[in-house]
């Protein structure tokens, strides 16, 4: 059974950087910067998601980096569909 968007958000939440506001609500429209994700954290998170979902990040990463949680979820879904 494929993970739902909520399942992927749960995985993203579990991989938020140390010091991120654990009380902030993580929704699809949440800006990554607003929940404590900077560019280095995003790269690290992409590598973790790549490993967890067996993604080929080079195949699914858009030219613009994701800016919201929803963008990141969509990237993972595209990767799962391509795999």
Protein backbone atom coordinates (compact mmCIF):
# COMPACT_ATOMS: atom_id res chain seq x y z
CA UNK A 1 0.00 0.00 0.00
CA UNK A 2 1.41 3.38 -1.01
CA UNK A 3 1.93 6.08 1.56
CA UNK A 4 -0.67 8.83 1.59
CA UNK A 5 0.23 12.51 1.56
CA UNK A 6 -0.39 12.54 5.34
CA UNK A 7 2.05 9.62 5.79
CA UNK A 8 4.71 11.51 3.86
CA UNK A 9 4.08 14.65 5.94
CA UNK A 10 4.54 12.54 9.08
CA UNK A 11 7.92 11.39 7.76
CA UNK A 12 8.86 14.97 6.92
CA UNK A 13 7.85 16.06 10.44
CA UNK A 14 10.02 13.28 11.90
CA UNK A 15 13.00 14.61 9.94
CA UNK A 16 12.68 18.28 10.82
CA UNK A 17 16.03 19.77 11.81
CA UNK A 18 17.11 19.85 15.42
CA UNK A 19 15.83 23.03 16.99
CA UNK A 20 12.82 23.35 14.68
CA UNK A 21 9.67 24.42 16.45
CA UNK A 22 8.11 21.07 17.35
CA UNK A 23 4.92 22.87 18.35
CA UNK A 24 4.38 24.37 14.92
CA UNK A 25 1.75 22.69 12.84
CA UNK A 26 3.15 21.08 9.71
CA UNK A 27 0.63 21.27 6.88
CA UNK A 28 1.00 21.15 3.12
CA UNK A 29 0.88 24.93 2.88
CA UNK A 30 3.55 25.39 5.57
CA UNK A 31 6.60 27.18 4.23
CA UNK A 32 9.71 25.12 4.86
CA UNK A 33 11.59 28.22 6.05
CA UNK A 34 8.83 28.98 8.58
CA UNK A 35 9.22 25.55 10.22
CA UNK A 36 13.00 25.85 10.49
CA UNK A 37 14.16 24.18 7.26
CA UNK A 38 17.04 25.99 5.56
CA UNK A 39 18.76 24.90 2.35
CA UNK A 40 21.21 22.58 4.13
CA UNK A 41 18.38 20.96 6.12
CA UNK A 42 16.40 20.56 2.90
CA UNK A 43 19.25 18.72 1.18
CA UNK A 44 19.65 16.47 4.23
CA UNK A 45 15.90 15.85 4.33
CA UNK A 46 15.89 15.00 0.60
CA UNK A 47 18.65 12.45 1.18
CA UNK A 48 16.71 10.87 4.07
CA UNK A 49 13.50 10.74 1.99
CA UNK A 50 15.49 9.33 -0.92
CA UNK A 51 16.71 6.49 1.29
CA UNK A 52 13.32 5.87 2.95
CA UNK A 53 11.37 5.84 -0.32
CA UNK A 54 14.09 4.49 -2.66
CA UNK A 55 13.81 7.60 -4.79
CA UNK A 56 16.11 8.73 -7.55
CA UNK A 57 16.24 12.35 -6.45
CA UNK A 58 18.14 13.37 -9.58
CA UNK A 59 15.16 12.22 -11.64
CA UNK A 60 12.46 13.97 -9.62
CA UNK A 61 14.09 17.15 -8.29
CA UNK A 62 12.66 20.16 -10.09
CA UNK A 63 14.83 23.06 -11.18
CA UNK A 64 13.41 25.09 -8.28
CA UNK A 65 13.77 23.65 -4.82
CA UNK A 66 10.53 23.00 -2.90
CA UNK A 67 9.38 25.91 -0.74
CA UNK A 68 6.40 24.33 1.02
CA UNK A 69 5.75 20.99 2.69
CA UNK A 70 3.25 20.27 -0.11
CA UNK A 71 5.97 20.83 -2.73
CA UNK A 72 8.16 18.32 -0.92
CA UNK A 73 5.31 15.79 -0.67
CA UNK A 74 4.63 16.15 -4.40
CA UNK A 75 8.32 15.58 -5.13
CA UNK A 76 8.23 12.34 -3.10
CA UNK A 77 5.04 11.20 -4.84
CA UNK A 78 6.60 11.83 -8.26
CA UNK A 79 9.62 9.84 -7.19
CA UNK A 80 7.50 6.93 -6.01
CA UNK A 81 5.54 6.96 -9.28
CA UNK A 82 8.75 6.99 -11.33
CA UNK A 83 10.29 4.15 -9.33
